[in-house]
Protein backbone atom coordinates (compact mmCIF):
# COMPACT_ATOMS: atom_id res chain seq x y z
CA MET A 1 -30.27 1.01 -12.94
CA ASN A 2 -30.65 0.45 -16.55
CA PHE A 3 -27.03 -1.31 -16.41
CA ILE A 4 -28.12 -3.35 -13.75
CA ILE A 5 -30.98 -3.81 -15.70
CA TRP A 6 -29.11 -4.99 -18.50
CA LEU A 7 -26.66 -7.36 -16.56
CA VAL A 8 -29.96 -9.16 -15.09
CA VAL A 9 -31.27 -9.55 -18.77
CA GLY A 10 -28.47 -10.44 -20.16
CA GLY A 11 -28.04 -13.22 -17.48
CA LEU A 12 -31.40 -14.69 -17.73
CA ILE A 13 -30.92 -14.53 -21.55
CA GLY A 14 -27.27 -16.78 -21.07
CA TRP A 15 -29.44 -19.06 -18.87
CA VAL A 16 -32.43 -19.77 -21.32
CA ALA A 17 -29.28 -20.29 -24.29
CA SER A 18 -27.67 -22.14 -22.07
CA ILE A 19 -30.39 -24.73 -21.34
CA LEU A 20 -31.26 -24.80 -24.89
CA MET A 21 -28.27 -25.46 -25.96
CA ARG A 22 -27.53 -27.97 -23.10
CA THR A 23 -24.58 -26.56 -21.64
CA ASP A 24 -26.16 -25.22 -18.03
CA GLY A 25 -24.29 -27.59 -16.06
CA GLN A 26 -21.03 -26.31 -17.43
CA GLN A 27 -21.82 -22.87 -16.81
CA GLY A 28 -21.93 -20.49 -14.01
CA LEU A 29 -23.54 -17.11 -13.17
CA LEU A 30 -20.94 -15.00 -14.78
CA LEU A 31 -20.31 -17.11 -17.79
CA ASN A 32 -24.18 -16.81 -18.64
CA VAL A 33 -24.37 -13.15 -18.13
CA VAL A 34 -21.31 -12.65 -20.37
CA VAL A 35 -23.00 -15.42 -22.73
CA GLY A 36 -25.98 -13.03 -23.01
CA ILE A 37 -24.49 -10.23 -23.58
CA VAL A 38 -22.20 -11.25 -26.12
CA GLY A 39 -25.27 -12.98 -28.22
CA ALA A 40 -26.76 -9.75 -27.82
CA MET A 41 -24.16 -8.33 -29.42
CA ILE A 42 -23.42 -10.92 -31.86
CA ALA A 43 -27.32 -10.11 -32.86
CA GLY A 44 -26.81 -6.61 -33.23
CA ALA A 45 -24.57 -7.53 -35.96
CA PHE A 46 -25.93 -10.28 -37.74
CA VAL A 47 -29.95 -11.30 -36.90
CA SER A 48 -31.06 -7.70 -36.08
CA PRO A 49 -30.36 -5.83 -39.53
CA LEU A 50 -32.24 -9.17 -41.14
CA VAL A 51 -35.34 -8.84 -39.03
CA GLY A 52 -35.77 -5.07 -38.28
CA VAL A 53 -35.59 -5.72 -34.32
CA PRO A 54 -33.31 -4.48 -32.38
CA THR A 55 -31.37 -6.24 -29.19
CA ILE A 56 -30.92 -5.56 -25.51
CA ASN A 57 -27.68 -3.94 -25.88
CA GLN A 58 -29.52 -1.19 -27.44
CA GLY A 59 -31.73 -0.28 -24.61
CA VAL A 60 -34.59 -1.63 -25.81
CA PHE A 61 -36.27 -4.28 -23.79
CA SER A 62 -39.08 -5.66 -26.00
CA LEU A 63 -39.82 -9.28 -26.50
CA GLY A 64 -38.92 -8.80 -30.18
CA ALA A 65 -35.49 -7.45 -28.69
CA LEU A 66 -35.27 -10.61 -26.19
CA LEU A 67 -36.20 -12.94 -28.54
CA VAL A 68 -33.06 -11.73 -30.90
CA SER A 69 -30.63 -11.46 -28.18
CA LEU A 70 -31.89 -15.19 -27.45
CA VAL A 71 -30.97 -15.66 -31.01
CA GLY A 72 -27.45 -14.15 -30.95
CA ALA A 73 -26.71 -16.29 -27.67
CA VAL A 74 -27.74 -19.46 -28.87
CA LEU A 75 -25.46 -18.89 -32.42
CA LEU A 76 -22.66 -17.92 -29.75
CA LEU A 77 -23.04 -21.26 -27.76
CA ALA A 78 -23.17 -23.26 -31.02
CA VAL A 79 -19.47 -21.54 -32.25
CA VAL A 80 -18.34 -22.18 -28.78
CA ASN A 81 -19.32 -25.59 -28.82
CA LEU A 82 -17.82 -26.61 -32.13
CA PHE A 83 -14.73 -25.30 -31.60
CA ARG A 84 -15.08 -26.84 -28.01
CA ARG A 85 -16.20 -30.36 -28.96
CA GLY A 86 -16.22 -30.41 -32.60
CA SER A 87 -19.83 -30.53 -32.97
CA VAL A 88 -22.83 -27.99 -32.59
CA ARG A 89 -25.01 -30.37 -30.28
């Protein structure tokens, strides 16, 4: 059950990040899930140690964990946009 919640929350985080970065029309459901989960991994490596809050990949579903994971997903989309278009957007 935890795996399903992880996928749903990762998809929602990826969807919100894609709206914030204005890439929502280019992504489907699967890519939103991937962006949310990989973004949470990135946040776990870089953002989480700075603020001391875990991510959704660490099994914590708090508001702080959701925000840290969202920051990671936005960072991931910014890097992808930088390589794809030459600008962060």
